[in-house]
Amino acid sequence: MNPTPLPEPGPSASGPADGDVRAAFTRAALDVTPGPVPLAAVRRAGRARRRRRTAGLSALSVLGAAAAVAAVVALVPVRSSPPEPVRVAAPPTAVRPTQAPDRIRTVRPGERVDAGQGYTVWLTGDGKHWKGPDGLENFRGVTDGNIDRSRPDVTYQSEGGPQGAFHSGLYYGTAAAGRVELTTGPGGRTVLATLLELPGRPGWGVWYARTGPGGGGVTAVTLYDRAGARLAVLGN
């Protein structure tokens, strides 16, 4: 279809040639018939661009997450294991002698020691004192000349009844006393005495022990040194 021809343009200030050229272009444009719009191709191109954009964003997201994890790991402090403790072998325990000197109890002058069953024992510089359940005090001197302190020896005193007996005495003549043993009854049962000394190991001390009913009488009192050697025997 031919459009209605436009009126001839009038003269312009630029001259008659310019007006003729514009009119010719206008008539040519009106003679062109436009083709159909390629909608399917446009849609395919749009989908392709969206896929490329989505893939790019996904790759950026993965890279961002990896960078965040690396930053967190870098911030977590690394704890090193504590060093193993150095184990030092304990020194071997010293073997104490069979008859250790700590069997001797050191007491102050006049200090009362409860010997059990109502008996009390104490020492002064001049000898041994003891008191029984009856309240009577007894004394055995160590400086009155009745004993010879130049050699080891023991004395013996005993009191009691069918319910049991209290035995005591002096030991002297040595600064290395270790123990005093009593031998009782026909079977030779041994009773270990308790030893008391004043401070400074004056070379003498007091021993005491108790025996129960039916134990029989004491047949021997033996003094040993700290190494276990026998120093003196009173009795059998």
Protein backbone atom coordinates (compact mmCIF):
# COMPACT_ATOMS: atom_id res chain seq x y z
CA MET A 1 0.00 0.00 0.00
CA ASN A 2 1.38 3.39 -1.00
CA PRO A 3 0.99 6.06 1.57
CA THR A 4 -0.44 9.39 0.72
CA PRO A 5 2.34 11.54 -0.69
CA LEU A 6 3.46 14.30 1.55
CA PRO A 7 3.30 17.83 0.28
CA GLU A 8 6.43 19.13 -1.24
CA PRO A 9 8.53 20.91 1.32
CA GLY A 10 8.88 24.54 0.93
CA PRO A 11 12.09 26.41 0.58
CA SER A 12 14.32 26.57 3.70
CA ALA A 13 17.01 28.81 4.83
CA SER A 14 19.56 26.09 4.01
CA GLY A 15 18.66 26.10 0.37
CA PRO A 16 16.48 24.07 -2.06
CA ALA A 17 18.98 21.14 -2.30
CA ASP A 18 18.75 20.23 1.40
CA GLY A 19 14.97 20.06 1.32
CA ASP A 20 14.95 17.72 -1.67
CA VAL A 21 17.33 15.25 0.10
CA ARG A 22 15.19 15.09 3.25
CA ALA A 23 12.08 14.49 1.25
CA ALA A 24 13.73 11.63 -0.63
CA PHE A 25 14.79 9.86 2.64
CA THR A 26 11.33 10.24 4.10
CA ARG A 27 9.68 8.61 1.07
CA ALA A 28 12.21 5.71 1.22
CA ALA A 29 11.53 5.01 4.92
CA LEU A 30 7.80 4.87 4.31
CA ASP A 31 8.26 2.24 1.59
CA VAL A 32 10.02 -0.25 4.11
CA THR A 33 7.77 -2.99 5.60
CA PRO A 34 9.04 -4.24 9.08
CA GLY A 35 9.49 -8.01 9.61
CA PRO A 36 8.17 -10.09 12.56
CA VAL A 37 9.81 -9.73 16.04
CA PRO A 38 12.02 -12.86 16.91
CA LEU A 39 10.47 -13.45 20.33
CA ALA A 40 11.72 -17.09 20.73
CA ALA A 41 15.31 -16.08 20.07
CA VAL A 42 15.03 -13.20 22.50
CA ARG A 43 13.70 -15.53 25.20
CA ARG A 44 16.53 -18.08 24.64
CA ALA A 45 19.14 -15.35 24.85
CA GLY A 46 17.60 -14.02 28.07
CA ARG A 47 17.59 -17.47 29.68
CA ALA A 48 21.23 -18.03 28.72
CA ARG A 49 22.24 -14.70 30.25
CA ARG A 50 20.38 -15.56 33.49
CA ARG A 51 22.10 -18.97 33.74
CA ARG A 52 25.52 -17.39 33.28
CA ARG A 53 24.72 -14.77 35.92
CA THR A 54 23.44 -17.42 38.42
CA ALA A 55 26.54 -19.59 37.90
CA GLY A 56 28.77 -16.59 38.49
CA LEU A 57 26.97 -15.66 41.68
CA SER A 58 27.14 -19.28 42.93
CA ALA A 59 30.90 -19.39 42.34
CA LEU A 60 31.33 -16.12 44.19
CA SER A 61 29.23 -17.49 47.11
CA VAL A 62 31.40 -20.61 47.35
CA LEU A 63 34.58 -18.56 47.29
CA GLY A 64 33.19 -16.22 49.97
CA ALA A 65 32.20 -19.13 52.26
CA ALA A 66 35.63 -20.73 51.87
CA ALA A 67 37.30 -17.43 52.72
CA ALA A 68 35.09 -17.04 55.81
CA VAL A 69 35.94 -20.57 57.04
CA ALA A 70 39.64 -19.92 56.50
CA ALA A 71 39.38 -16.71 58.52
CA VAL A 72 37.61 -18.49 61.41
CA VAL A 73 40.21 -21.28 61.43
CA ALA A 74 42.98 -18.72 61.49
CA LEU A 75 41.39 -17.01 64.50
CA VAL A 76 40.98 -20.24 66.56
CA PRO A 77 44.04 -20.55 68.86
CA VAL A 78 46.00 -23.76 68.59
CA ARG A 79 46.48 -25.36 71.99
CA SER A 80 49.62 -27.31 72.35
CA SER A 81 49.64 -30.35 74.60
CA PRO A 82 51.35 -29.79 77.95
CA PRO A 83 54.72 -31.47 78.29
CA GLU A 84 54.84 -34.79 80.02
CA PRO A 85 55.89 -34.40 83.67
CA VAL A 86 59.39 -35.55 84.41
CA ARG A 87 59.18 -38.57 86.64
CA VAL A 88 61.92 -38.73 89.22
CA ALA A 89 62.45 -42.04 90.90
CA ALA A 90 61.86 -41.85 94.63
CA PRO A 91 64.93 -42.55 96.71
CA PRO A 92 64.94 -46.01 98.21
CA THR A 93 63.45 -46.20 101.67
CA ALA A 94 66.10 -46.61 104.26
CA VAL A 95 65.96 -49.98 105.96
CA ARG A 96 65.56 -49.40 109.64
CA PRO A 97 67.34 -51.76 111.99
CA THR A 98 65.25 -54.46 113.59
CA GLN A 99 65.64 -52.80 116.97
CA ALA A 100 65.33 -49.08 116.17
CA PRO A 101 66.36 -46.52 118.78
CA ASP A 102 62.92 -44.87 118.56
CA ARG A 103 61.66 -47.58 120.92
CA ILE A 104 63.14 -45.32 123.60
CA ARG A 105 60.89 -42.43 124.55
CA THR A 106 62.66 -39.27 125.69
CA VAL A 107 60.87 -37.50 128.57
CA ARG A 108 61.48 -34.33 130.55
CA PRO A 109 62.56 -34.60 134.20
CA GLY A 110 59.43 -35.07 136.30
CA GLU A 111 57.17 -35.71 133.27
CA ARG A 112 54.43 -38.18 134.24
CA VAL A 113 53.94 -41.14 131.90
CA ASP A 114 50.73 -43.19 132.05
CA ALA A 115 51.88 -46.82 132.15
CA GLY A 116 48.35 -48.25 132.18
CA GLN A 117 46.25 -50.07 134.80
CA GLY A 118 46.58 -47.13 137.18
CA TYR A 119 50.40 -46.96 137.15
CA THR A 120 52.40 -43.77 136.55
CA VAL A 121 56.15 -43.54 135.90
CA TRP A 122 58.50 -40.54 135.82
CA LEU A 123 62.24 -39.84 135.90
CA THR A 124 64.39 -37.33 137.68
CA GLY A 125 68.16 -36.87 137.55
CA ASP A 126 68.64 -39.17 140.53
CA GLY A 127 66.52 -42.12 139.46
CA LYS A 128 63.16 -43.78 138.76
CA HIS A 129 59.80 -42.92 140.36
CA TRP A 130 56.52 -44.79 140.04
CA LYS A 131 53.09 -44.86 141.63
CA GLY A 132 50.49 -47.63 141.62
CA PRO A 133 46.70 -47.68 141.89
CA ASP A 134 47.01 -47.49 145.66
CA GLY A 135 48.52 -43.98 145.33
CA LEU A 136 51.79 -44.87 147.03
CA GLU A 137 54.97 -43.49 145.42
CA ASN A 138 58.12 -45.54 145.06
CA PHE A 139 61.71 -44.66 144.17
CA ARG A 140 64.78 -46.48 142.88
CA GLY A 141 67.93 -44.38 142.86
CA VAL A 142 70.59 -44.44 140.17
CA THR A 143 73.15 -42.22 141.92
CA ASP A 144 73.21 -43.66 145.46
CA GLY A 145 76.03 -46.10 144.81
CA ASN A 146 73.88 -49.21 144.95
CA ILE A 147 74.41 -49.92 141.24
CA ASP A 148 77.58 -50.12 139.17
CA ARG A 149 77.08 -47.91 136.09
CA SER A 150 80.48 -48.84 134.66
CA ARG A 151 78.99 -51.89 132.93
CA PRO A 152 75.60 -52.67 131.32
CA ASP A 153 73.00 -54.17 133.62
CA VAL A 154 69.30 -54.08 134.61
CA THR A 155 67.22 -54.09 137.80
CA TYR A 156 63.77 -55.56 138.38
CA GLN A 157 60.71 -54.70 140.49
CA SER A 158 57.20 -56.19 140.18
CA GLU A 159 53.82 -55.76 141.83
CA GLY A 160 50.29 -56.85 141.06
CA GLY A 161 47.93 -59.77 141.56
CA PRO A 162 45.85 -62.42 139.79
CA GLN A 163 44.42 -59.79 137.42
CA GLY A 164 47.89 -58.93 136.09
CA ALA A 165 51.24 -57.52 137.13
CA PHE A 166 53.25 -54.37 136.56
CA HIS A 167 56.97 -54.87 136.00
CA SER A 168 59.62 -52.13 135.90
CA GLY A 169 63.29 -51.45 136.51
CA LEU A 170 66.42 -49.55 135.52
CA TYR A 171 68.85 -50.21 132.69
CA TYR A 172 72.27 -48.55 132.76
CA GLY A 173 75.94 -48.73 131.85
CA THR A 174 75.39 -47.99 128.12
CA ALA A 175 74.29 -45.14 125.85
CA ALA A 176 73.39 -47.61 123.06
CA ALA A 177 70.44 -49.38 124.70
CA GLY A 178 67.96 -50.71 122.14
CA ARG A 179 65.38 -52.83 123.94
CA VAL A 180 64.53 -54.74 127.11
CA GLU A 181 62.69 -58.07 126.91
CA LEU A 182 60.94 -60.05 129.62
CA THR A 183 60.72 -63.83 129.41
CA THR A 184 57.60 -65.17 131.17
CA GLY A 185 56.01 -68.51 132.03
CA PRO A 186 57.20 -72.02 131.44
CA GLY A 187 56.81 -71.62 127.66
CA GLY A 188 59.31 -68.77 127.49
CA ARG A 189 56.90 -66.14 126.14
CA THR A 190 58.64 -62.81 125.35
CA VAL A 191 57.22 -59.42 126.38
CA LEU A 192 58.78 -56.23 124.99
CA ALA A 193 59.18 -53.43 127.53
CA THR A 194 58.76 -49.69 127.02
CA LEU A 195 61.93 -47.63 127.58
CA LEU A 196 62.14 -44.09 128.96
CA GLU A 197 65.19 -41.81 129.06
CA LEU A 198 66.01 -38.24 129.99
CA PRO A 199 67.30 -35.95 127.20
CA GLY A 200 70.94 -36.29 126.14
CA ARG A 201 71.27 -40.08 126.60
CA PRO A 202 72.66 -40.00 130.11
CA GLY A 203 73.64 -43.69 129.97
CA TRP A 204 70.68 -45.00 131.96
CA GLY A 205 66.91 -45.19 131.76
CA VAL A 206 63.73 -46.89 132.95
CA TRP A 207 61.84 -49.81 131.47
CA TYR A 208 58.31 -51.03 132.24
CA ALA A 209 55.88 -53.70 130.99
CA ARG A 210 52.63 -55.38 132.01
CA THR A 211 51.55 -59.03 131.95
CA GLY A 212 48.01 -60.32 132.12
CA PRO A 213 46.45 -62.91 134.40
CA GLY A 214 47.67 -66.47 134.00
CA GLY A 215 50.80 -65.38 132.16
CA GLY A 216 53.13 -66.88 134.72
CA GLY A 217 56.04 -65.19 136.45
CA VAL A 218 58.98 -63.41 134.84
CA THR A 219 61.95 -65.74 134.49
CA ALA A 220 64.46 -63.37 132.84
CA VAL A 221 65.03 -59.70 131.93
CA THR A 222 67.42 -59.12 129.01
CA LEU A 223 68.99 -55.85 127.83
CA TYR A 224 69.98 -55.50 124.14
CA ASP A 225 71.79 -52.74 122.30
CA ARG A 226 70.47 -51.01 119.13
CA ALA A 227 72.20 -53.56 116.90
CA GLY A 228 70.42 -56.44 118.67
CA ALA A 229 73.42 -57.66 120.67
CA ARG A 230 72.69 -58.88 124.20
CA LEU A 231 74.31 -56.69 126.84
CA ALA A 232 73.00 -58.08 130.14
CA VAL A 233 70.64 -60.76 131.51
CA LEU A 234 68.96 -60.80 134.92
CA GLY A 235 67.59 -64.23 135.81
CA ASN A 236 67.85 -67.52 133.94
